[in-house]
Amino acid sequence: MSVIKRFVAGAVCPRCGEMDTIRVYRNEIREYRECVKCDYVDGQNLDGSPEEAELETRVNKQQPKQAEPKPDPNPAAQPLMFVPNPGQKKKE
């Protein structure tokens, strides 16, 4: 069986942004689209099954849960607020 590649009128390449450079073809399992200008290739399964698992990187890796902060050992302590001395004049 020979593969028939067809251009898609008005389609814009997601990589280079050129119009009318995308062609589509398929085999028994997947459908592909490719750009003839920048060699962009993308595919999807015809039956709707999910793609292969994405490689784990630091960007898409699940972050470990942060430990909850420890309770304050002295809950009666209050913060100090420093205010300027009312007897001093402000410098201008």
Protein backbone atom coordinates (compact mmCIF):
# COMPACT_ATOMS: atom_id res chain seq x y z
CA MET A 1 0.00 0.00 0.00
CA SER A 2 1.48 3.34 -1.00
CA VAL A 3 1.20 6.35 1.29
CA ILE A 4 -0.77 9.28 -0.11
CA LYS A 5 0.33 12.63 1.28
CA ARG A 6 -2.15 15.49 0.91
CA PHE A 7 -1.65 19.21 1.50
CA VAL A 8 -4.11 20.94 3.81
CA ALA A 9 -5.26 24.27 2.38
CA GLY A 10 -4.94 27.16 4.81
CA ALA A 11 -3.11 25.15 7.48
CA VAL A 12 -0.36 26.99 9.35
CA CYS A 13 2.74 25.21 10.65
CA PRO A 14 2.97 25.46 14.46
CA ARG A 15 6.77 25.70 14.33
CA CYS A 16 7.65 28.06 11.45
CA GLY A 17 4.26 29.78 10.98
CA GLU A 18 4.19 29.32 7.17
CA MET A 19 0.79 28.81 5.55
CA ASP A 20 0.01 25.99 3.07
CA THR A 21 3.11 23.92 3.91
CA ILE A 22 1.40 21.19 5.98
CA ARG A 23 0.66 17.81 4.44
CA VAL A 24 -1.18 14.91 6.08
CA TYR A 25 -0.79 11.16 5.65
CA ARG A 26 -1.68 8.05 7.61
CA ASN A 27 -0.86 4.40 8.07
CA GLU A 28 -2.99 1.69 9.70
CA ILE A 29 -2.34 2.95 13.25
CA ARG A 30 -1.45 6.68 13.17
CA GLU A 31 -2.15 9.87 11.29
CA TYR A 32 0.75 12.27 10.70
CA ARG A 33 1.17 15.89 9.69
CA GLU A 34 4.42 17.37 8.50
CA CYS A 35 5.73 20.71 7.25
CA VAL A 36 7.68 20.71 3.99
CA LYS A 37 9.55 23.92 4.95
CA CYS A 38 10.90 23.22 8.45
CA ASP A 39 10.55 19.38 8.72
CA TYR A 40 8.09 19.59 11.63
CA VAL A 41 6.37 16.20 12.22
CA ASP A 42 3.47 15.43 14.54
CA GLY A 43 1.23 12.38 14.87
CA GLN A 44 -1.76 10.98 16.69
CA ASN A 45 -3.36 7.55 17.05
CA LEU A 46 -6.42 6.90 14.90
CA ASP A 47 -8.26 4.99 17.63
CA GLY A 48 -7.91 7.81 20.18
CA SER A 49 -5.63 5.88 22.51
CA PRO A 50 -3.15 8.01 24.47
CA GLU A 51 0.32 8.78 23.18
CA GLU A 52 3.48 7.24 24.55
CA ALA A 53 4.47 8.43 28.00
CA GLU A 54 6.35 11.71 28.06
CA LEU A 55 9.90 11.63 29.34
CA GLU A 56 10.13 12.84 32.92
CA THR A 57 11.98 16.12 33.28
CA ARG A 58 12.40 18.60 36.10
CA VAL A 59 9.59 20.65 34.57
CA ASN A 60 6.90 17.96 34.42
CA LYS A 61 8.01 15.90 37.45
CA GLN A 62 5.66 15.75 40.43
CA GLN A 63 6.98 17.87 43.29
CA PRO A 64 7.20 16.22 46.72
CA LYS A 65 4.79 17.57 49.30
CA GLN A 66 6.14 20.33 51.49
CA ALA A 67 6.42 19.48 55.19
CA GLU A 68 3.94 21.31 57.37
CA PRO A 69 5.50 24.05 59.51
CA LYS A 70 6.20 23.11 63.11
CA PRO A 71 3.92 24.69 65.71
CA ASP A 72 5.33 27.66 67.62
CA PRO A 73 6.87 26.42 70.90
CA ASN A 74 5.98 29.73 72.65
CA PRO A 75 2.49 30.74 71.50
CA ALA A 76 2.29 33.56 74.09
CA ALA A 77 5.18 35.47 72.45
CA GLN A 78 4.12 38.55 70.55
CA PRO A 79 6.04 40.47 67.90
CA LEU A 80 7.65 43.79 68.84
CA MET A 81 6.74 46.92 66.93
CA PHE A 82 9.34 49.67 66.79
CA VAL A 83 7.99 53.20 66.45
CA PRO A 84 10.02 56.40 66.14
CA ASN A 85 10.70 58.40 69.30
CA PRO A 86 8.02 61.11 69.49
CA GLY A 87 10.44 63.55 71.17
CA GLN A 88 12.79 63.72 68.18
CA LYS A 89 12.16 65.99 65.21
CA LYS A 90 12.22 64.59 61.69
CA LYS A 91 15.12 65.60 59.50
CA GLU A 92 14.11 67.32 56.29
